[in-house]
Amino acid sequence: MIRVLVVDDDAMVRTLLTSILTAQDIAVVGHATAGDEVVPAVQAHHPDVVLMDLHMPRVPGLDAIAALAALPEPPGVIALTSFGTDDTVLAAVRAGASGFLAKDADPTAIAEAVRKVAAGDGALDHAAAGSLTRHVAGDPDRGRRDDARRQLAVLTEAELEVVAYVPTGMSNEAIGELTYRSASTVKAHLSRAMAKLGVTTRSQLAVVVDRAGLSVP
Protein backbone atom coordinates (compact mmCIF):
# COMPACT_ATOMS: atom_id res chain seq x y z
CA MET A 1 0.00 0.00 0.00
CA ILE A 2 1.36 3.43 -1.00
CA ARG A 3 0.94 5.94 1.82
CA VAL A 4 0.26 9.54 0.73
CA LEU A 5 0.23 12.85 2.58
CA VAL A 6 -1.80 15.61 0.90
CA VAL A 7 -0.60 19.18 1.54
CA ASP A 8 -2.87 22.04 0.47
CA ASP A 9 -4.51 24.96 2.25
CA ASP A 10 -7.71 24.59 0.20
CA ALA A 11 -10.14 22.12 1.83
CA MET A 12 -11.88 21.41 -1.50
CA VAL A 13 -8.59 20.52 -3.15
CA ARG A 14 -7.64 18.23 -0.26
CA THR A 15 -11.01 16.48 -0.55
CA LEU A 16 -10.68 16.13 -4.32
CA LEU A 17 -7.16 14.72 -4.16
CA THR A 18 -8.16 12.30 -1.41
CA SER A 19 -11.04 11.09 -3.59
CA ILE A 20 -8.76 10.72 -6.62
CA LEU A 21 -6.23 8.72 -4.62
CA THR A 22 -8.71 6.24 -3.21
CA ALA A 23 -7.47 3.02 -4.80
CA GLN A 24 -6.55 -0.53 -3.86
CA ASP A 25 -2.86 0.32 -3.78
CA ILE A 26 -2.98 3.94 -2.52
CA ALA A 27 -4.13 5.37 0.81
CA VAL A 28 -4.17 9.00 1.96
CA VAL A 29 -2.87 8.79 5.51
CA GLY A 30 -2.91 12.46 6.46
CA HIS A 31 -3.21 16.11 5.49
CA ALA A 32 -1.37 19.36 6.15
CA THR A 33 -2.72 22.85 5.56
CA ALA A 34 0.41 25.02 5.94
CA GLY A 35 4.07 24.72 5.06
CA ASP A 36 5.24 24.55 8.66
CA GLU A 37 2.97 21.54 9.28
CA VAL A 38 4.59 19.35 6.63
CA VAL A 39 7.63 17.95 8.44
CA PRO A 40 5.66 17.11 11.63
CA ALA A 41 2.95 15.48 9.51
CA VAL A 42 5.52 13.36 7.69
CA GLN A 43 7.10 12.33 10.98
CA ALA A 44 3.67 11.40 12.34
CA HIS A 45 2.25 9.55 9.31
CA HIS A 46 5.37 8.21 7.52
CA PRO A 47 4.07 8.66 3.96
CA ASP A 48 5.83 7.24 0.92
CA VAL A 49 4.76 10.22 -1.19
CA VAL A 50 3.82 13.82 -0.38
CA LEU A 51 1.58 15.79 -2.75
CA MET A 52 2.66 19.38 -2.08
CA ASP A 53 0.98 22.59 -3.15
CA LEU A 54 3.75 25.12 -3.79
CA HIS A 55 1.71 28.11 -2.66
CA MET A 56 1.31 27.50 1.05
CA PRO A 57 0.79 29.86 4.02
CA ARG A 58 3.45 30.60 6.64
CA VAL A 59 6.21 28.50 5.01
CA PRO A 60 6.41 28.38 1.18
CA GLY A 61 6.07 25.00 -0.50
CA LEU A 62 9.60 25.16 -1.90
CA ASP A 63 11.03 25.62 1.59
CA ALA A 64 8.91 22.75 2.88
CA ILE A 65 10.18 20.51 0.06
CA ALA A 66 13.77 21.37 0.93
CA ALA A 67 13.07 20.59 4.60
CA LEU A 68 11.70 17.18 3.63
CA ALA A 69 14.71 16.46 1.43
CA ALA A 70 16.94 17.05 4.47
CA LEU A 71 15.23 14.33 6.52
CA PRO A 72 17.16 11.08 7.10
CA GLU A 73 14.54 9.11 5.15
CA PRO A 74 12.72 11.65 2.97
CA PRO A 75 9.49 10.72 1.19
CA GLY A 76 9.06 11.28 -2.51
CA VAL A 77 7.54 14.68 -3.23
CA ILE A 78 5.25 15.70 -6.09
CA ALA A 79 4.88 19.48 -6.43
CA LEU A 80 1.43 20.72 -7.41
CA THR A 81 0.57 24.15 -8.74
CA SER A 82 -2.21 25.94 -10.57
CA PHE A 83 0.32 27.80 -12.73
CA GLY A 84 3.86 26.64 -13.25
CA THR A 85 6.54 28.76 -14.92
CA ASP A 86 9.87 27.35 -16.08
CA ASP A 87 11.54 28.94 -13.03
CA THR A 88 8.99 27.33 -10.70
CA VAL A 89 9.60 23.87 -12.15
CA LEU A 90 13.37 24.24 -11.87
CA ALA A 91 13.11 25.57 -8.31
CA ALA A 92 10.95 22.61 -7.27
CA VAL A 93 13.37 20.10 -8.80
CA ARG A 94 16.34 21.78 -7.16
CA ALA A 95 14.55 21.81 -3.81
CA GLY A 96 14.13 18.04 -4.03
CA ALA A 97 10.82 17.31 -5.78
CA SER A 98 10.64 14.03 -7.68
CA GLY A 99 7.57 15.08 -9.63
CA PHE A 100 5.71 18.14 -10.86
CA LEU A 101 2.06 18.26 -11.89
CA ALA A 102 -0.59 20.86 -12.62
CA LYS A 103 -3.54 20.77 -10.22
CA ASP A 104 -5.89 20.24 -13.16
CA ALA A 105 -4.04 17.12 -14.29
CA ASP A 106 -6.15 14.12 -15.19
CA PRO A 107 -6.99 12.04 -12.07
CA THR A 108 -5.44 8.98 -13.68
CA ALA A 109 -2.21 10.92 -14.27
CA ILE A 110 -2.08 12.03 -10.63
CA ALA A 111 -2.51 8.48 -9.35
CA GLU A 112 0.06 7.17 -11.81
CA ALA A 113 2.53 9.88 -10.76
CA VAL A 114 2.13 8.78 -7.14
CA ARG A 115 2.87 5.18 -8.14
CA LYS A 116 5.94 6.21 -10.14
CA VAL A 117 7.42 8.36 -7.37
CA ALA A 118 6.72 5.66 -4.77
CA ALA A 119 8.68 3.25 -6.98
CA GLY A 120 11.62 5.64 -7.09
CA ASP A 121 10.91 7.04 -10.55
CA GLY A 122 10.39 10.67 -11.54
CA ALA A 123 7.01 12.06 -12.59
CA LEU A 124 7.05 15.25 -14.63
CA ASP A 125 4.08 16.24 -16.74
CA HIS A 126 4.69 17.33 -20.33
CA ALA A 127 4.81 21.03 -19.44
CA ALA A 128 7.34 20.46 -16.65
CA ALA A 129 9.51 18.24 -18.84
CA GLY A 130 9.43 20.98 -21.46
CA SER A 131 10.59 23.50 -18.88
CA LEU A 132 13.64 21.40 -18.08
CA THR A 133 14.39 20.94 -21.79
CA ARG A 134 14.13 24.68 -22.47
CA HIS A 135 16.38 25.40 -19.51
CA VAL A 136 19.10 23.09 -20.83
CA ALA A 137 18.72 24.03 -24.49
CA GLY A 138 18.68 27.74 -23.71
CA ASP A 139 21.66 27.69 -21.37
CA PRO A 140 24.21 30.06 -22.91
CA ASP A 141 26.96 29.01 -20.53
CA ARG A 142 28.93 26.27 -22.24
CA GLY A 143 30.91 25.87 -19.04
CA ARG A 144 27.85 24.34 -17.37
CA ARG A 145 27.77 21.58 -19.98
CA ASP A 146 31.46 20.94 -19.46
CA ASP A 147 30.91 20.84 -15.69
CA ALA A 148 28.07 18.35 -16.11
CA ARG A 149 30.22 16.14 -18.31
CA ARG A 150 32.98 16.21 -15.72
CA GLN A 151 30.44 15.17 -13.09
CA LEU A 152 29.31 12.21 -15.20
CA ALA A 153 32.92 11.15 -15.77
CA VAL A 154 32.95 9.53 -12.31
CA LEU A 155 30.26 7.04 -13.35
CA THR A 156 30.95 3.57 -14.64
CA GLU A 157 29.99 2.57 -18.18
CA ALA A 158 27.01 0.62 -16.84
CA GLU A 159 25.83 3.56 -14.74
CA LEU A 160 26.13 5.92 -17.73
CA GLU A 161 24.10 3.58 -19.90
CA VAL A 162 21.30 3.54 -17.35
CA VAL A 163 21.28 7.24 -16.40
CA ALA A 164 21.04 8.22 -20.07
CA TYR A 165 17.40 7.07 -20.00
CA VAL A 166 16.39 9.07 -16.90
CA PRO A 167 15.34 12.25 -18.79
CA THR A 168 12.89 10.17 -20.84
CA GLY A 169 10.81 9.51 -17.70
CA MET A 170 10.97 5.74 -18.21
CA SER A 171 10.44 3.44 -15.25
CA ASN A 172 13.18 1.14 -13.96
CA GLU A 173 11.36 -1.76 -15.60
CA ALA A 174 11.30 -0.05 -19.00
CA ILE A 175 14.97 0.92 -18.76
CA GLY A 176 15.78 -2.65 -17.78
CA GLU A 177 14.07 -4.03 -20.85
CA LEU A 178 16.09 -1.75 -23.13
CA THR A 179 19.41 -2.37 -21.38
CA TYR A 180 18.87 -6.09 -20.68
CA ARG A 181 18.97 -5.64 -16.94
CA SER A 182 16.54 -6.38 -14.14
CA ALA A 183 14.62 -3.51 -12.58
CA SER A 184 16.49 -4.05 -9.31
CA THR A 185 19.85 -3.77 -11.11
CA VAL A 186 18.72 -0.56 -12.81
CA LYS A 187 17.65 0.84 -9.44
CA ALA A 188 21.02 -0.07 -7.91
CA HIS A 189 22.94 1.63 -10.76
CA LEU A 190 20.80 4.75 -10.41
CA SER A 191 21.24 4.85 -6.64
CA ARG A 192 25.02 4.63 -6.95
CA ALA A 193 25.06 7.26 -9.69
CA MET A 194 22.94 9.66 -7.64
CA ALA A 195 25.20 9.18 -4.62
CA LYS A 196 28.31 9.90 -6.71
CA LEU A 197 26.74 13.01 -8.24
CA GLY A 198 25.37 14.33 -4.96
CA VAL A 199 21.74 14.49 -6.15
CA THR A 200 18.75 13.12 -4.28
CA THR A 201 16.01 12.76 -6.90
CA ARG A 202 15.68 11.44 -10.44
CA SER A 203 14.54 14.87 -11.58
CA GLN A 204 17.80 16.41 -10.37
CA LEU A 205 19.70 13.60 -12.08
CA ALA A 206 17.79 14.29 -15.30
CA VAL A 207 18.94 17.92 -15.22
CA VAL A 208 22.61 16.85 -15.00
CA VAL A 209 22.21 14.28 -17.78
CA ASP A 210 20.41 16.73 -20.07
CA ARG A 211 22.92 19.49 -19.39
CA ALA A 212 25.78 17.14 -20.25
CA GLY A 213 24.10 16.25 -23.54
CA LEU A 214 24.17 12.53 -22.75
CA SER A 215 21.88 10.61 -25.08
CA VAL A 216 20.55 7.06 -25.01
CA PRO A 217 22.71 4.47 -26.80
C-alpha atoms as a PDB file:
ATOM      1  CA  MET A   1       0.000   0.000   0.000  1.00  0.00           C
ATOM      2  CA  ILE A   2       1.364   3.428  -1.002  1.00  0.00           C
ATOM      3  CA  ARG A   3       0.940   5.942   1.823  1.00  0.00           C
ATOM      4  CA  VAL A   4       0.260   9.541   0.727  1.00  0.00           C
ATOM      5  CA  LEU A   5       0.226  12.851   2.584  1.00  0.00           C
ATOM      6  CA  VAL A   6      -1.799  15.611   0.898  1.00  0.00           C
ATOM      7  CA  VAL A   7      -0.598  19.183   1.543  1.00  0.00           C
ATOM      8  CA  ASP A   8      -2.872  22.036   0.469  1.00  0.00           C
ATOM      9  CA  ASP A   9      -4.506  24.955   2.248  1.00  0.00           C
ATOM     10  CA  ASP A  10      -7.711  24.585   0.204  1.00  0.00           C
ATOM     11  CA  ALA A  11     -10.139  22.124   1.829  1.00  0.00           C
ATOM     12  CA  MET A  12     -11.880  21.411  -1.496  1.00  0.00           C
ATOM     13  CA  VAL A  13      -8.585  20.525  -3.148  1.00  0.00           C
ATOM     14  CA  ARG A  14      -7.640  18.228  -0.256  1.00  0.00           C
ATOM     15  CA  THR A  15     -11.012  16.481  -0.551  1.00  0.00           C
ATOM     16  CA  LEU A  16     -10.677  16.129  -4.315  1.00  0.00           C
ATOM     17  CA  LEU A  17      -7.156  14.720  -4.155  1.00  0.00           C
ATOM     18  CA  THR A  18      -8.162  12.301  -1.410  1.00  0.00           C
ATOM     19  CA  SER A  19     -11.035  11.093  -3.595  1.00  0.00           C
ATOM     20  CA  ILE A  20      -8.756  10.723  -6.623  1.00  0.00           C
ATOM     21  CA  LEU A  21      -6.232   8.725  -4.620  1.00  0.00           C
ATOM     22  CA  THR A  22      -8.715   6.238  -3.210  1.00  0.00           C
ATOM     23  CA  ALA A  23      -7.470   3.019  -4.796  1.00  0.00           C
ATOM     24  CA  GLN A  24      -6.552  -0.526  -3.864  1.00  0.00           C
ATOM     25  CA  ASP A  25      -2.855   0.323  -3.779  1.00  0.00           C
ATOM     26  CA  ILE A  26      -2.980   3.938  -2.516  1.00  0.00           C
ATOM     27  CA  ALA A  27      -4.133   5.374   0.806  1.00  0.00           C
ATOM     28  CA  VAL A  28      -4.166   9.004   1.960  1.00  0.00           C
ATOM     29  CA  VAL A  29      -2.870   8.791   5.514  1.00  0.00           C
ATOM     30  CA  GLY A  30      -2.912  12.460   6.458  1.00  0.00           C
ATOM     31  CA  HIS A  31      -3.212  16.111   5.490  1.00  0.00           C
ATOM     32  CA  ALA A  32      -1.369  19.362   6.151  1.00  0.00           C
ATOM     33  CA  THR A  33      -2.715  22.847   5.562  1.00  0.00           C
ATOM     34  CA  ALA A  34       0.407  25.020   5.936  1.00  0.00           C
ATOM     35  CA  GLY A  35       4.070  24.717   5.061  1.00  0.00           C
ATOM     36  CA  ASP A  36       5.237  24.546   8.662  1.00  0.00           C
ATOM     37  CA  GLU A  37       2.966  21.540   9.284  1.00  0.00           C
ATOM     38  CA  VAL A  38       4.589  19.355   6.627  1.00  0.00           C
ATOM     39  CA  VAL A  39       7.626  17.954   8.439  1.00  0.00           C
ATOM     40  CA  PRO A  40       5.660  17.107  11.627  1.00  0.00           C
ATOM     41  CA  ALA A  41       2.946  15.482   9.514  1.00  0.00           C
ATOM     42  CA  VAL A  42       5.517  13.365   7.689  1.00  0.00           C
ATOM     43  CA  GLN A  43       7.100  12.331  10.979  1.00  0.00           C
ATOM     44  CA  ALA A  44       3.667  11.398  12.340  1.00  0.00           C
ATOM     45  CA  HIS A  45       2.253   9.546   9.314  1.00  0.00           C
ATOM     46  CA  HIS A  46       5.368   8.207   7.523  1.00  0.00           C
ATOM     47  CA  PRO A  47       4.070   8.657   3.957  1.00  0.00           C
ATOM     48  CA  ASP A  48       5.827   7.242   0.921  1.00  0.00           C
ATOM     49  CA  VAL A  49       4.762  10.224  -1.188  1.00  0.00           C
ATOM     50  CA  VAL A  50       3.817  13.822  -0.376  1.00  0.00           C
ATOM     51  CA  LEU A  51       1.576  15.786  -2.749  1.00  0.00           C
ATOM     52  CA  MET A  52       2.656  19.376  -2.077  1.00  0.00           C
ATOM     53  CA  ASP A  53       0.975  22.593  -3.148  1.00  0.00           C
ATOM     54  CA  LEU A  54       3.754  25.116  -3.790  1.00  0.00           C
ATOM     55  CA  HIS A  55       1.709  28.106  -2.660  1.00  0.00           C
ATOM     56  CA  MET A  56       1.314  27.497   1.053  1.00  0.00           C
ATOM     57  CA  PRO A  57       0.793  29.862   4.021  1.00  0.00           C
ATOM     58  CA  ARG A  58       3.455  30.604   6.636  1.00  0.00           C
ATOM     59  CA  VAL A  59       6.206  28.504   5.012  1.00  0.00           C
ATOM     60  CA  PRO A  60       6.412  28.381   1.184  1.00  0.00           C
ATOM     61  CA  GLY A  61       6.066  25.001  -0.495  1.00  0.00           C
ATOM     62  CA  LEU A  62       9.596  25.155  -1.902  1.00  0.00           C
ATOM     63  CA  ASP A  63      11.025  25.623   1.585  1.00  0.00           C
ATOM     64  CA  ALA A  64       8.911  22.752   2.880  1.00  0.00           C
ATOM     65  CA  ILE A  65      10.179  20.508   0.058  1.00  0.00           C
ATOM     66  CA  ALA A  66      13.770  21.371   0.934  1.00  0.00           C
ATOM     67  CA  ALA A  67      13.073  20.590   4.601  1.00  0.00           C
ATOM     68  CA  LEU A  68      11.695  17.178   3.627  1.00  0.00           C
ATOM     69  CA  ALA A  69      14.713  16.462   1.429  1.00  0.00           C
ATOM     70  CA  ALA A  70      16.936  17.054   4.466  1.00  0.00           C
ATOM     71  CA  LEU A  71      15.227  14.329   6.522  1.00  0.00           C
ATOM     72  CA  PRO A  72      17.161  11.076   7.105  1.00  0.00           C
ATOM     73  CA  GLU A  73      14.536   9.113   5.154  1.00  0.00           C
ATOM     74  CA  PRO A  74      12.720  11.655   2.970  1.00  0.00           C
ATOM     75  CA  PRO A  75       9.490  10.723   1.195  1.00  0.00           C
ATOM     76  CA  GLY A  76       9.063  11.284  -2.506  1.00  0.00           C
ATOM     77  CA  VAL A  77       7.536  14.684  -3.233  1.00  0.00           C
ATOM     78  CA  ILE A  78       5.247  15.698  -6.088  1.00  0.00           C
ATOM     79  CA  ALA A  79       4.880  19.476  -6.429  1.00  0.00           C
ATOM     80  CA  LEU A  80       1.431  20.720  -7.409  1.00  0.00           C
ATOM     81  CA  THR A  81       0.569  24.151  -8.738  1.00  0.00           C
ATOM     82  CA  SER A  82      -2.215  25.943 -10.572  1.00  0.00           C
ATOM     83  CA  PHE A  83       0.317  27.798 -12.726  1.00  0.00           C
ATOM     84  CA  GLY A  84       3.858  26.640 -13.254  1.00  0.00           C
ATOM     85  CA  THR A  85       6.542  28.758 -14.917  1.00  0.00           C
ATOM     86  CA  ASP A  86       9.873  27.354 -16.078  1.00  0.00           C
ATOM     87  CA  ASP A  87      11.537  28.944 -13.033  1.00  0.00           C
ATOM     88  CA  THR A  88       8.989  27.329 -10.699  1.00  0.00           C
ATOM     89  CA  VAL A  89       9.600  23.869 -12.155  1.00  0.00           C
ATOM     90  CA  LEU A  90      13.369  24.245 -11.869  1.00  0.00           C
ATOM     91  CA  ALA A  91      13.112  25.569  -8.312  1.00  0.00           C
ATOM     92  CA  ALA A  92      10.949  22.609  -7.272  1.00  0.00           C
ATOM     93  CA  VAL A  93      13.369  20.098  -8.795  1.00  0.00           C
ATOM     94  CA  ARG A  94      16.345  21.783  -7.164  1.00  0.00           C
ATOM     95  CA  ALA A  95      14.553  21.805  -3.807  1.00  0.00           C
ATOM     96  CA  GLY A  96      14.127  18.037  -4.034  1.00  0.00           C
ATOM     97  CA  ALA A  97      10.815  17.308  -5.778  1.00  0.00           C
ATOM     98  CA  SER A  98      10.643  14.034  -7.683  1.00  0.00           C
ATOM     99  CA  GLY A  99       7.565  15.082  -9.632  1.00  0.00           C
ATOM    100  CA  PHE A 100       5.713  18.141 -10.865  1.00  0.00           C
ATOM    101  CA  LEU A 101       2.056  18.265 -11.894  1.00  0.00           C
ATOM    102  CA  ALA A 102      -0.589  20.861 -12.619  1.00  0.00           C
ATOM    103  CA  LYS A 103      -3.536  20.767 -10.223  1.00  0.00           C
ATOM    104  CA  ASP A 104      -5.889  20.245 -13.161  1.00  0.00           C
ATOM    105  CA  ALA A 105      -4.037  17.116 -14.290  1.00  0.00           C
ATOM    106  CA  ASP A 106      -6.149  14.122 -15.186  1.00  0.00           C
ATOM    107  CA  PRO A 107      -6.988  12.045 -12.071  1.00  0.00           C
ATOM    108  CA  THR A 108      -5.441   8.982 -13.677  1.00  0.00           C
ATOM    109  CA  ALA A 109      -2.210  10.923 -14.266  1.00  0.00           C
ATOM    110  CA  ILE A 110      -2.085  12.028 -10.625  1.00  0.00           C
ATOM    111  CA  ALA A 111      -2.515   8.480  -9.347  1.00  0.00           C
ATOM    112  CA  GLU A 112       0.059   7.168 -11.812  1.00  0.00           C
ATOM    113  CA  ALA A 113       2.529   9.878 -10.765  1.00  0.00           C
ATOM    114  CA  VAL A 114       2.130   8.778  -7.136  1.00  0.00           C
ATOM    115  CA  ARG A 115       2.875   5.183  -8.142  1.00  0.00           C
ATOM    116  CA  LYS A 116       5.939   6.210 -10.141  1.00  0.00           C
ATOM    117  CA  VAL A 117       7.422   8.358  -7.373  1.00  0.00           C
ATOM    118  CA  ALA A 118       6.718   5.660  -4.770  1.00  0.00           C
ATOM    119  CA  ALA A 119       8.676   3.253  -6.977  1.00  0.00           C
ATOM    120  CA  GLY A 120      11.620   5.635  -7.093  1.00  0.00           C
ATOM    121  CA  ASP A 121      10.914   7.044 -10.545  1.00  0.00           C
ATOM    122  CA  GLY A 122      10.386  10.669 -11.541  1.00  0.00           C
ATOM    123  CA  ALA A 123       7.005  12.055 -12.589  1.00  0.00           C
ATOM    124  CA  LEU A 124       7.052  15.248 -14.631  1.00  0.00           C
ATOM    125  CA  ASP A 125       4.077  16.237 -16.736  1.00  0.00           C
ATOM    126  CA  HIS A 126       4.690  17.328 -20.332  1.00  0.00           C
ATOM    127  CA  ALA A 127       4.806  21.027 -19.439  1.00  0.00           C
ATOM    128  CA  ALA A 128       7.336  20.457 -16.648  1.00  0.00           C
ATOM    129  CA  ALA A 129       9.505  18.242 -18.842  1.00  0.00           C
ATOM    130  CA  GLY A 130       9.426  20.976 -21.463  1.00  0.00           C
ATOM    131  CA  SER A 131      10.593  23.502 -18.876  1.00  0.00           C
ATOM    132  CA  LEU A 132      13.645  21.402 -18.084  1.00  0.00           C
ATOM    133  CA  THR A 133      14.393  20.937 -21.790  1.00  0.00           C
ATOM    134  CA  ARG A 134      14.134  24.677 -22.471  1.00  0.00           C
ATOM    135  CA  HIS A 135      16.381  25.396 -19.514  1.00  0.00           C
ATOM    136  CA  VAL A 136      19.105  23.091 -20.829  1.00  0.00           C
ATOM    137  CA  ALA A 137      18.724  24.032 -24.493  1.00  0.00           C
ATOM    138  CA  GLY A 138      18.681  27.743 -23.709  1.00  0.00           C
ATOM    139  CA  ASP A 139      21.658  27.693 -21.373  1.00  0.00           C
ATOM    140  CA  PRO A 140      24.213  30.062 -22.915  1.00  0.00           C
ATOM    141  CA  ASP A 141      26.962  29.015 -20.526  1.00  0.00           C
ATOM    142  CA  ARG A 142      28.927  26.266 -22.242  1.00  0.00           C
ATOM    143  CA  GLY A 143      30.908  25.872 -19.044  1.00  0.00           C
ATOM    144  CA  ARG A 144      27.847  24.343 -17.374  1.00  0.00           C
ATOM    145  CA  ARG A 145      27.767  21.582 -19.977  1.00  0.00           C
ATOM    146  CA  ASP A 146      31.460  20.939 -19.460  1.00  0.00           C
ATOM    147  CA  ASP A 147      30.911  20.842 -15.686  1.00  0.00           C
ATOM    148  CA  ALA A 148      28.068  18.348 -16.106  1.00  0.00           C
ATOM    149  CA  ARG A 149      30.218  16.137 -18.306  1.00  0.00           C
ATOM    150  CA  ARG A 150      32.980  16.208 -15.725  1.00  0.00           C
ATOM    151  CA  GLN A 151      30.438  15.168 -13.094  1.00  0.00           C
ATOM    152  CA  LEU A 152      29.315  12.212 -15.198  1.00  0.00           C
ATOM    153  CA  ALA A 153      32.918  11.149 -15.774  1.00  0.00           C
ATOM    154  CA  VAL A 154      32.946   9.534 -12.308  1.00  0.00           C
ATOM    155  CA  LEU A 155      30.255   7.042 -13.351  1.00  0.00           C
ATOM    156  CA  THR A 156      30.953   3.570 -14.637  1.00  0.00           C
ATOM    157  CA  GLU A 157      29.992   2.566 -18.179  1.00  0.00           C
ATOM    158  CA  ALA A 158      27.011   0.619 -16.841  1.00  0.00           C
ATOM    159  CA  GLU A 159      25.833   3.563 -14.743  1.00  0.00           C
ATOM    160  CA  LEU A 160      26.133   5.918 -17.725  1.00  0.00           C
ATOM    161  CA  GLU A 161      24.100   3.578 -19.904  1.00  0.00           C
ATOM    162  CA  VAL A 162      21.295   3.537 -17.346  1.00  0.00           C
ATOM    163  CA  VAL A 163      21.277   7.240 -16.399  1.00  0.00           C
ATOM    164  CA  ALA A 164      21.037   8.217 -20.067  1.00  0.00           C
ATOM    165  CA  TYR A 165      17.403   7.066 -19.996  1.00  0.00           C
ATOM    166  CA  VAL A 166      16.389   9.069 -16.904  1.00  0.00           C
ATOM    167  CA  PRO A 167      15.338  12.252 -18.786  1.00  0.00           C
ATOM    168  CA  THR A 168      12.887  10.167 -20.839  1.00  0.00           C
ATOM    169  CA  GLY A 169      10.814   9.508 -17.705  1.00  0.00           C
ATOM    170  CA  MET A 170      10.973   5.736 -18.209  1.00  0.00           C
ATOM    171  CA  SER A 171      10.441   3.442 -15.247  1.00  0.00           C
ATOM    172  CA  ASN A 172      13.183   1.144 -13.965  1.00  0.00           C
ATOM    173  CA  GLU A 173      11.358  -1.764 -15.602  1.00  0.00           C
ATOM    174  CA  ALA A 174      11.302  -0.054 -18.999  1.00  0.00           C
ATOM    175  CA  ILE A 175      14.971   0.920 -18.759  1.00  0.00           C
ATOM    176  CA  GLY A 176      15.784  -2.650 -17.780  1.00  0.00           C
ATOM    177  CA  GLU A 177      14.075  -4.034 -20.850  1.00  0.00           C
ATOM    178  CA  LEU A 178      16.092  -1.755 -23.126  1.00  0.00           C
ATOM    179  CA  THR A 179      19.410  -2.369 -21.385  1.00  0.00           C
ATOM    180  CA  TYR A 180      18.872  -6.091 -20.685  1.00  0.00           C
ATOM    181  CA  ARG A 181      18.975  -5.642 -16.937  1.00  0.00           C
ATOM    182  CA  SER A 182      16.541  -6.384 -14.139  1.00  0.00           C
ATOM    183  CA  ALA A 183      14.616  -3.506 -12.583  1.00  0.00           C
ATOM    184  CA  SER A 184      16.489  -4.049  -9.309  1.00  0.00           C
ATOM    185  CA  THR A 185      19.848  -3.767 -11.110  1.00  0.00           C
ATOM    186  CA  VAL A 186      18.724  -0.557 -12.810  1.00  0.00           C
ATOM    187  CA  LYS A 187      17.653   0.836  -9.437  1.00  0.00           C
ATOM    188  CA  ALA A 188      21.024  -0.075  -7.913  1.00  0.00           C
ATOM    189  CA  HIS A 189      22.937   1.625 -10.755  1.00  0.00           C
ATOM    190  CA  LEU A 190      20.799   4.753 -10.407  1.00  0.00           C
ATOM    191  CA  SER A 191      21.236   4.853  -6.635  1.00  0.00           C
ATOM    192  CA  ARG A 192      25.021   4.632  -6.954  1.00  0.00           C
ATOM    193  CA  ALA A 193      25.061   7.258  -9.694  1.00  0.00           C
ATOM    194  CA  MET A 194      22.944   9.659  -7.642  1.00  0.00           C
ATOM    195  CA  ALA A 195      25.201   9.178  -4.620  1.00  0.00           C
ATOM    196  CA  LYS A 196      28.310   9.896  -6.707  1.00  0.00           C
ATOM    197  CA  LEU A 197      26.744  13.011  -8.238  1.00  0.00           C
ATOM    198  CA  GLY A 198      25.366  14.332  -4.958  1.00  0.00           C
ATOM    199  CA  VAL A 199      21.738  14.489  -6.149  1.00  0.00           C
ATOM    200  CA  THR A 200      18.753  13.120  -4.280  1.00  0.00           C
ATOM    201  CA  THR A 201      16.014  12.765  -6.904  1.00  0.00           C
ATOM    202  CA  ARG A 202      15.684  11.439 -10.437  1.00  0.00           C
ATOM    203  CA  SER A 203      14.542  14.866 -11.583  1.00  0.00           C
ATOM    204  CA  GLN A 204      17.795  16.407 -10.370  1.00  0.00           C
ATOM    205  CA  LEU A 205      19.704  13.598 -12.078  1.00  0.00           C
ATOM    206  CA  ALA A 206      17.786  14.292 -15.300  1.00  0.00           C
ATOM    207  CA  VAL A 207      18.942  17.922 -15.223  1.00  0.00           C
ATOM    208  CA  VAL A 208      22.608  16.849 -15.000  1.00  0.00           C
ATOM    209  CA  VAL A 209      22.209  14.276 -17.782  1.00  0.00           C
ATOM    210  CA  ASP A 210      20.406  16.728 -20.067  1.00  0.00           C
ATOM    211  CA  ARG A 211      22.915  19.487 -19.385  1.00  0.00           C
ATOM    212  CA  ALA A 212      25.778  17.142 -20.253  1.00  0.00           C
ATOM    213  CA  GLY A 213      24.102  16.247 -23.539  1.00  0.00           C
ATOM    214  CA  LEU A 214      24.172  12.534 -22.753  1.00  0.00           C
ATOM    215  CA  SER A 215      21.878  10.609 -25.084  1.00  0.00           C
ATOM    216  CA  VAL A 216      20.548   7.065 -25.013  1.00  0.00           C
ATOM    217  CA  PRO A 217      22.706   4.472 -26.800  1.00  0.00           C
END
